[in-house]
């Protein structure tokens, strides 16, 4: 999984951020925990929220790991 490309897109109108790994959509994350769960499902196990935020494997679009708008 080290070579995989993880992209977290900007928040949408619902406050969620689409997450893709190697072109495959994993879902919409509304907070770091959701993102951690998605990544675990594709083999990036053992990463907590801090690890995810600091990972060089993740490309953040429209704001970094601290940008999680409140859900409407």
PDB file of N, CA and C in Angstrom:
ATOM      1  N   UNK A   1       0.827  -1.209   0.000  1.00  0.00           N
ATOM      2  CA  UNK A   1       0.000   0.000   0.000  1.00  0.00           C
ATOM      3  C   UNK A   1       0.863   1.261   0.000  1.00  0.00           C
ATOM      4  N   UNK A   2       2.154   1.147   0.271  1.00  0.00           N
ATOM      5  CA  UNK A   2       3.012   2.311   0.382  1.00  0.00           C
ATOM      6  C   UNK A   2       3.057   3.134  -0.904  1.00  0.00           C
ATOM      7  N   UNK A   3       2.814   2.498  -2.045  1.00  0.00           N
ATOM      8  CA  UNK A   3       2.859   3.206  -3.310  1.00  0.00           C
ATOM      9  C   UNK A   3       1.504   3.779  -3.717  1.00  0.00           C
ATOM     10  N   UNK A   4       0.467   3.528  -2.948  1.00  0.00           N
ATOM     11  CA  UNK A   4      -0.874   3.991  -3.294  1.00  0.00           C
ATOM     12  C   UNK A   4      -0.988   5.500  -3.170  1.00  0.00           C
ATOM     13  N   UNK A   5      -1.851   6.046  -4.010  1.00  0.00           N
ATOM     14  CA  UNK A   5      -2.113   7.489  -3.986  1.00  0.00           C
ATOM     15  C   UNK A   5      -3.462   7.719  -3.322  1.00  0.00           C
ATOM     16  N   UNK A   6      -3.439   8.398  -2.191  1.00  0.00           N
ATOM     17  CA  UNK A   6      -4.657   8.710  -1.439  1.00  0.00           C
ATOM     18  C   UNK A   6      -4.963  10.187  -1.648  1.00  0.00           C
ATOM     19  N   UNK A   7      -6.192  10.477  -2.088  1.00  0.00           N
ATOM     20  CA  UNK A   7      -6.601  11.867  -2.283  1.00  0.00           C
ATOM     21  C   UNK A   7      -7.840  12.134  -1.442  1.00  0.00           C
ATOM     22  N   UNK A   8      -7.769  13.185  -0.652  1.00  0.00           N
ATOM     23  CA  UNK A   8      -8.921  13.654   0.125  1.00  0.00           C
ATOM     24  C   UNK A   8      -9.337  14.977  -0.505  1.00  0.00           C
ATOM     25  N   UNK A   9     -10.537  14.993  -1.060  1.00  0.00           N
ATOM     26  CA  UNK A   9     -11.030  16.157  -1.806  1.00  0.00           C
ATOM     27  C   UNK A   9     -11.621  17.213  -0.876  1.00  0.00           C
ATOM     28  N   UNK A  10     -11.835  18.428  -1.394  1.00  0.00           N
ATOM     29  CA  UNK A  10     -12.397  19.502  -0.571  1.00  0.00           C
ATOM     30  C   UNK A  10     -13.779  19.128  -0.035  1.00  0.00           C
ATOM     31  N   UNK A  11     -14.155  19.743   1.074  1.00  0.00           N
ATOM     32  CA  UNK A  11     -15.496  19.491   1.619  1.00  0.00           C
ATOM     33  C   UNK A  11     -16.565  19.868   0.600  1.00  0.00           C
ATOM     34  N   UNK A  12     -17.609  19.037   0.534  1.00  0.00           N
ATOM     35  CA  UNK A  12     -18.720  19.336  -0.362  1.00  0.00           C
ATOM     36  C   UNK A  12     -19.826  20.051   0.413  1.00  0.00           C
ATOM     37  N   UNK A  13     -20.980  20.192  -0.214  1.00  0.00           N
ATOM     38  CA  UNK A  13     -22.087  20.944   0.405  1.00  0.00           C
ATOM     39  C   UNK A  13     -22.612  20.294   1.680  1.00  0.00           C
ATOM     40  N   UNK A  14     -22.330  19.009   1.882  1.00  0.00           N
ATOM     41  CA  UNK A  14     -22.775  18.330   3.109  1.00  0.00           C
ATOM     42  C   UNK A  14     -21.717  18.374   4.202  1.00  0.00           C
ATOM     43  N   UNK A  15     -20.522  18.869   3.879  1.00  0.00           N
ATOM     44  CA  UNK A  15     -19.434  18.905   4.838  1.00  0.00           C
ATOM     45  C   UNK A  15     -18.531  17.691   4.752  1.00  0.00           C
ATOM     46  N   UNK A  16     -18.876  16.752   3.868  1.00  0.00           N
ATOM     47  CA  UNK A  16     -18.059  15.556   3.698  1.00  0.00           C
ATOM     48  C   UNK A  16     -16.958  15.765   2.677  1.00  0.00           C
ATOM     49  N   UNK A  17     -15.939  14.943   2.780  1.00  0.00           N
ATOM     50  CA  UNK A  17     -14.813  14.992   1.851  1.00  0.00           C
ATOM     51  C   UNK A  17     -14.688  13.635   1.173  1.00  0.00           C
ATOM     52  N   UNK A  18     -14.775  13.619  -0.152  1.00  0.00           N
ATOM     53  CA  UNK A  18     -14.632  12.372  -0.895  1.00  0.00           C
ATOM     54  C   UNK A  18     -13.202  11.875  -0.750  1.00  0.00           C
ATOM     55  N   UNK A  19     -13.068  10.565  -0.633  1.00  0.00           N
ATOM     56  CA  UNK A  19     -11.762   9.936  -0.457  1.00  0.00           C
ATOM     57  C   UNK A  19     -11.570   8.909  -1.563  1.00  0.00           C
ATOM     58  N   UNK A  20     -10.416   9.001  -2.229  1.00  0.00           N
ATOM     59  CA  UNK A  20     -10.083   8.051  -3.299  1.00  0.00           C
ATOM     60  C   UNK A  20      -8.692   7.493  -3.056  1.00  0.00           C
ATOM     61  N   UNK A  21      -8.531   6.217  -3.383  1.00  0.00           N
ATOM     62  CA  UNK A  21      -7.223   5.574  -3.338  1.00  0.00           C
ATOM     63  C   UNK A  21      -6.998   4.926  -4.691  1.00  0.00           C
ATOM     64  N   UNK A  22      -5.934   5.337  -5.352  1.00  0.00           N
ATOM     65  CA  UNK A  22      -5.599   4.807  -6.676  1.00  0.00           C
ATOM     66  C   UNK A  22      -6.787   4.842  -7.624  1.00  0.00           C
ATOM     67  N   UNK A  23      -7.545   5.935  -7.595  1.00  0.00           N
ATOM     68  CA  UNK A  23      -8.664   6.109  -8.500  1.00  0.00           C
ATOM     69  C   UNK A  23      -9.964   5.474  -8.056  1.00  0.00           C
ATOM     70  N   UNK A  24      -9.955   4.713  -6.975  1.00  0.00           N
ATOM     71  CA  UNK A  24     -11.162   4.066  -6.463  1.00  0.00           C
ATOM     72  C   UNK A  24     -11.759   4.902  -5.338  1.00  0.00           C
ATOM     73  N   UNK A  25     -13.041   5.231  -5.463  1.00  0.00           N
ATOM     74  CA  UNK A  25     -13.718   5.990  -4.419  1.00  0.00           C
ATOM     75  C   UNK A  25     -13.983   5.090  -3.218  1.00  0.00           C
ATOM     76  N   UNK A  26     -13.532   5.536  -2.049  1.00  0.00           N
ATOM     77  CA  UNK A  26     -13.770   4.782  -0.817  1.00  0.00           C
ATOM     78  C   UNK A  26     -15.016   5.254  -0.100  1.00  0.00           C
ATOM     79  N   UNK A  27     -15.387   6.513  -0.294  1.00  0.00           N
ATOM     80  CA  UNK A  27     -16.568   7.058   0.357  1.00  0.00           C
ATOM     81  C   UNK A  27     -16.374   8.511   0.708  1.00  0.00           C
ATOM     82  N   UNK A  28     -17.252   8.992   1.563  1.00  0.00           N
ATOM     83  CA  UNK A  28     -17.222  10.379   2.008  1.00  0.00           C
ATOM     84  C   UNK A  28     -16.908  10.385   3.498  1.00  0.00           C
ATOM     85  N   UNK A  29     -15.857  11.082   3.859  1.00  0.00           N
ATOM     86  CA  UNK A  29     -15.450  11.193   5.261  1.00  0.00           C
ATOM     87  C   UNK A  29     -15.929  12.524   5.823  1.00  0.00           C
ATOM     88  N   UNK A  30     -16.438  12.472   7.039  1.00  0.00           N
ATOM     89  CA  UNK A  30     -16.905  13.680   7.717  1.00  0.00           C
ATOM     90  C   UNK A  30     -15.991  14.091   8.864  1.00  0.00           C
ATOM     91  N   UNK A  31     -15.017  13.225   9.146  1.00  0.00           N
ATOM     92  CA  UNK A  31     -14.015  13.530  10.176  1.00  0.00           C
ATOM     93  C   UNK A  31     -12.847  12.573  10.006  1.00  0.00           C
ATOM     94  N   UNK A  32     -11.782  12.801  10.731  1.00  0.00           N
ATOM     95  CA  UNK A  32     -10.573  11.998  10.604  1.00  0.00           C
ATOM     96  C   UNK A  32     -10.827  10.527  10.892  1.00  0.00           C
ATOM     97  N   UNK A  33     -11.699  10.237  11.833  1.00  0.00           N
ATOM     98  CA  UNK A  33     -11.978   8.835  12.159  1.00  0.00           C
ATOM     99  C   UNK A  33     -12.501   8.090  10.929  1.00  0.00           C
ATOM    100  N   UNK A  34     -13.424   8.714  10.179  1.00  0.00           N
ATOM    101  CA  UNK A  34     -13.938   8.079   8.965  1.00  0.00           C
ATOM    102  C   UNK A  34     -12.801   7.770   7.995  1.00  0.00           C
ATOM    103  N   UNK A  35     -11.914   8.706   7.814  1.00  0.00           N
ATOM    104  CA  UNK A  35     -10.787   8.526   6.908  1.00  0.00           C
ATOM    105  C   UNK A  35      -9.893   7.381   7.377  1.00  0.00           C
ATOM    106  N   UNK A  36      -9.624   7.308   8.668  1.00  0.00           N
ATOM    107  CA  UNK A  36      -8.810   6.226   9.226  1.00  0.00           C
ATOM    108  C   UNK A  36      -9.434   4.867   8.940  1.00  0.00           C
ATOM    109  N   UNK A  37     -10.746   4.774   9.087  1.00  0.00           N
ATOM    110  CA  UNK A  37     -11.454   3.515   8.834  1.00  0.00           C
ATOM    111  C   UNK A  37     -11.360   3.137   7.358  1.00  0.00           C
ATOM    112  N   UNK A  38     -11.569   4.098   6.463  1.00  0.00           N
ATOM    113  CA  UNK A  38     -11.463   3.825   5.029  1.00  0.00           C
ATOM    114  C   UNK A  38     -10.080   3.278   4.692  1.00  0.00           C
ATOM    115  N   UNK A  39      -9.044   3.912   5.225  1.00  0.00           N
ATOM    116  CA  UNK A  39      -7.687   3.502   4.905  1.00  0.00           C
ATOM    117  C   UNK A  39      -7.364   2.126   5.473  1.00  0.00           C
ATOM    118  N   UNK A  40      -7.901   1.834   6.627  1.00  0.00           N
ATOM    119  CA  UNK A  40      -7.700   0.505   7.213  1.00  0.00           C
ATOM    120  C   UNK A  40      -8.299  -0.575   6.305  1.00  0.00           C
ATOM    121  N   UNK A  41      -9.448  -0.286   5.731  1.00  0.00           N
ATOM    122  CA  UNK A  41     -10.127  -1.248   4.847  1.00  0.00           C
ATOM    123  C   UNK A  41      -9.331  -1.570   3.591  1.00  0.00           C
ATOM    124  N   UNK A  42      -8.451  -0.659   3.174  1.00  0.00           N
ATOM    125  CA  UNK A  42      -7.644  -0.917   1.977  1.00  0.00           C
ATOM    126  C   UNK A  42      -6.210  -1.329   2.320  1.00  0.00           C
ATOM    127  N   UNK A  43      -5.989  -1.693   3.578  1.00  0.00           N
ATOM    128  CA  UNK A  43      -4.701  -2.241   3.958  1.00  0.00           C
ATOM    129  C   UNK A  43      -3.755  -1.338   4.708  1.00  0.00           C
ATOM    130  N   UNK A  44      -4.130  -0.108   4.948  1.00  0.00           N
ATOM    131  CA  UNK A  44      -3.278   0.797   5.724  1.00  0.00           C
ATOM    132  C   UNK A  44      -3.676   0.666   7.193  1.00  0.00           C
ATOM    133  N   UNK A  45      -3.322  -0.476   7.770  1.00  0.00           N
ATOM    134  CA  UNK A  45      -3.734  -0.796   9.132  1.00  0.00           C
ATOM    135  C   UNK A  45      -2.806  -0.181  10.166  1.00  0.00           C
ATOM    136  N   UNK A  46      -3.352   0.016  11.352  1.00  0.00           N
ATOM    137  CA  UNK A  46      -2.555   0.506  12.465  1.00  0.00           C
ATOM    138  C   UNK A  46      -2.314   2.000  12.472  1.00  0.00           C
ATOM    139  N   UNK A  47      -3.020   2.741  11.629  1.00  0.00           N
ATOM    140  CA  UNK A  47      -2.853   4.196  11.600  1.00  0.00           C
ATOM    141  C   UNK A  47      -3.938   4.842  12.451  1.00  0.00           C
ATOM    142  N   UNK A  48      -3.508   5.651  13.406  1.00  0.00           N
ATOM    143  CA  UNK A  48      -4.513   6.406  14.144  1.00  0.00           C
ATOM    144  C   UNK A  48      -4.703   7.753  13.453  1.00  0.00           C
ATOM    145  N   UNK A  49      -5.538   8.592  14.021  1.00  0.00           N
ATOM    146  CA  UNK A  49      -5.863   9.865  13.385  1.00  0.00           C
ATOM    147  C   UNK A  49      -4.634  10.767  13.241  1.00  0.00           C
ATOM    148  N   UNK A  50      -3.721  10.717  14.191  1.00  0.00           N
ATOM    149  CA  UNK A  50      -2.500  11.529  14.104  1.00  0.00           C
ATOM    150  C   UNK A  50      -1.614  11.018  12.971  1.00  0.00           C
ATOM    151  N   UNK A  51      -1.494   9.694  12.858  1.00  0.00           N
ATOM    152  CA  UNK A  51      -0.708   9.117  11.769  1.00  0.00           C
ATOM    153  C   UNK A  51      -1.263   9.527  10.409  1.00  0.00           C
ATOM    154  N   UNK A  52      -2.576   9.486  10.287  1.00  0.00           N
ATOM    155  CA  UNK A  52      -3.220   9.849   9.029  1.00  0.00           C
ATOM    156  C   UNK A  52      -2.949  11.317   8.706  1.00  0.00           C
ATOM    157  N   UNK A  53      -3.088  12.175   9.687  1.00  0.00           N
ATOM    158  CA  UNK A  53      -2.873  13.608   9.478  1.00  0.00           C
ATOM    159  C   UNK A  53      -1.442  13.906   9.046  1.00  0.00           C
ATOM    160  N   UNK A  54      -0.488  13.138   9.547  1.00  0.00           N
ATOM    161  CA  UNK A  54       0.924  13.383   9.251  1.00  0.00           C
ATOM    162  C   UNK A  54       1.462  12.591   8.065  1.00  0.00           C
ATOM    163  N   UNK A  55       0.650  11.721   7.488  1.00  0.00           N
ATOM    164  CA  UNK A  55       1.131  10.827   6.437  1.00  0.00           C
ATOM    165  C   UNK A  55       1.483  11.563   5.147  1.00  0.00           C
ATOM    166  N   UNK A  56       2.673  11.294   4.620  1.00  0.00           N
ATOM    167  CA  UNK A  56       3.041  11.877   3.329  1.00  0.00           C
ATOM    168  C   UNK A  56       2.342  11.179   2.162  1.00  0.00           C
ATOM    169  N   UNK A  57       1.622  10.097   2.429  1.00  0.00           N
ATOM    170  CA  UNK A  57       0.921   9.347   1.388  1.00  0.00           C
ATOM    171  C   UNK A  57      -0.408   9.976   1.005  1.00  0.00           C
ATOM    172  N   UNK A  58      -0.858  10.945   1.806  1.00  0.00           N
ATOM    173  CA  UNK A  58      -2.177  11.537   1.586  1.00  0.00           C
ATOM    174  C   UNK A  58      -2.037  12.917   0.965  1.00  0.00           C
ATOM    175  N   UNK A  59      -2.756  13.109  -0.122  1.00  0.00           N
ATOM    176  CA  UNK A  59      -2.787  14.393  -0.832  1.00  0.00           C
ATOM    177  C   UNK A  59      -4.099  15.089  -0.457  1.00  0.00           C
ATOM    178  N   UNK A  60      -3.973  16.220   0.211  1.00  0.00           N
ATOM    179  CA  UNK A  60      -5.138  16.959   0.691  1.00  0.00           C
ATOM    180  C   UNK A  60      -5.484  18.069  -0.289  1.00  0.00           C
ATOM    181  N   UNK A  61      -6.705  18.087  -0.775  1.00  0.00           N
ATOM    182  CA  UNK A  61      -7.182  19.132  -1.674  1.00  0.00           C
ATOM    183  C   UNK A  61      -8.217  19.968  -0.925  1.00  0.00           C
ATOM    184  N   UNK A  62      -8.138  21.269  -1.060  1.00  0.00           N
ATOM    185  CA  UNK A  62      -9.144  22.134  -0.440  1.00  0.00           C
ATOM    186  C   UNK A  62      -9.018  22.237   1.064  1.00  0.00           C
ATOM    187  N   UNK A  63      -7.832  22.117   1.568  1.00  0.00           N
ATOM    188  CA  UNK A  63      -7.587  22.207   3.005  1.00  0.00           C
ATOM    189  C   UNK A  63      -6.985  20.924   3.528  1.00  0.00           C
ATOM    190  N   UNK A  64      -6.186  21.053   4.551  1.00  0.00           N
ATOM    191  CA  UNK A  64      -5.474  19.917   5.113  1.00  0.00           C
ATOM    192  C   UNK A  64      -6.306  19.110   6.082  1.00  0.00           C
ATOM    193  N   UNK A  65      -5.642  18.328   6.915  1.00  0.00           N
ATOM    194  CA  UNK A  65      -6.332  17.423   7.821  1.00  0.00           C
ATOM    195  C   UNK A  65      -7.166  18.120   8.907  1.00  0.00           C
ATOM    196  N   UNK A  66      -6.989  19.397   9.064  1.00  0.00           N
ATOM    197  CA  UNK A  66      -7.767  20.130  10.065  1.00  0.00           C
ATOM    198  C   UNK A  66      -9.070  20.715   9.526  1.00  0.00           C
ATOM    199  N   UNK A  67      -9.347  20.497   8.240  1.00  0.00           N
ATOM    200  CA  UNK A  67     -10.535  21.094   7.622  1.00  0.00           C
ATOM    201  C   UNK A  67     -11.663  20.062   7.535  1.00  0.00           C
ATOM    202  N   UNK A  68     -12.555  20.112   8.502  1.00  0.00           N
ATOM    203  CA  UNK A  68     -13.734  19.246   8.567  1.00  0.00           C
ATOM    204  C   UNK A  68     -14.906  20.094   8.989  1.00  0.00           C
ATOM    205  N   UNK A  69     -15.617  20.688   8.019  1.00  0.00           N
ATOM    206  CA  UNK A  69     -16.757  21.535   8.370  1.00  0.00           C
ATOM    207  C   UNK A  69     -17.819  20.749   9.139  1.00  0.00           C
ATOM    208  N   UNK A  70     -18.539  21.460   9.970  1.00  0.00           N
ATOM    209  CA  UNK A  70     -19.624  20.816  10.706  1.00  0.00           C
ATOM    210  C   UNK A  70     -20.700  20.357   9.730  1.00  0.00           C
ATOM    211  N   UNK A  71     -21.245  19.194   9.988  1.00  0.00           N
ATOM    212  CA  UNK A  71     -22.329  18.694   9.139  1.00  0.00           C
ATOM    213  C   UNK A  71     -23.561  19.566   9.363  1.00  0.00           C
ATOM    214  N   UNK A  72     -24.338  19.802   8.274  1.00  0.00           N
ATOM    215  CA  UNK A  72     -25.537  20.655   8.404  1.00  0.00           C
ATOM    216  C   UNK A  72     -26.607  20.004   9.276  1.00  0.00           C
TER     217      UNK A  72
END
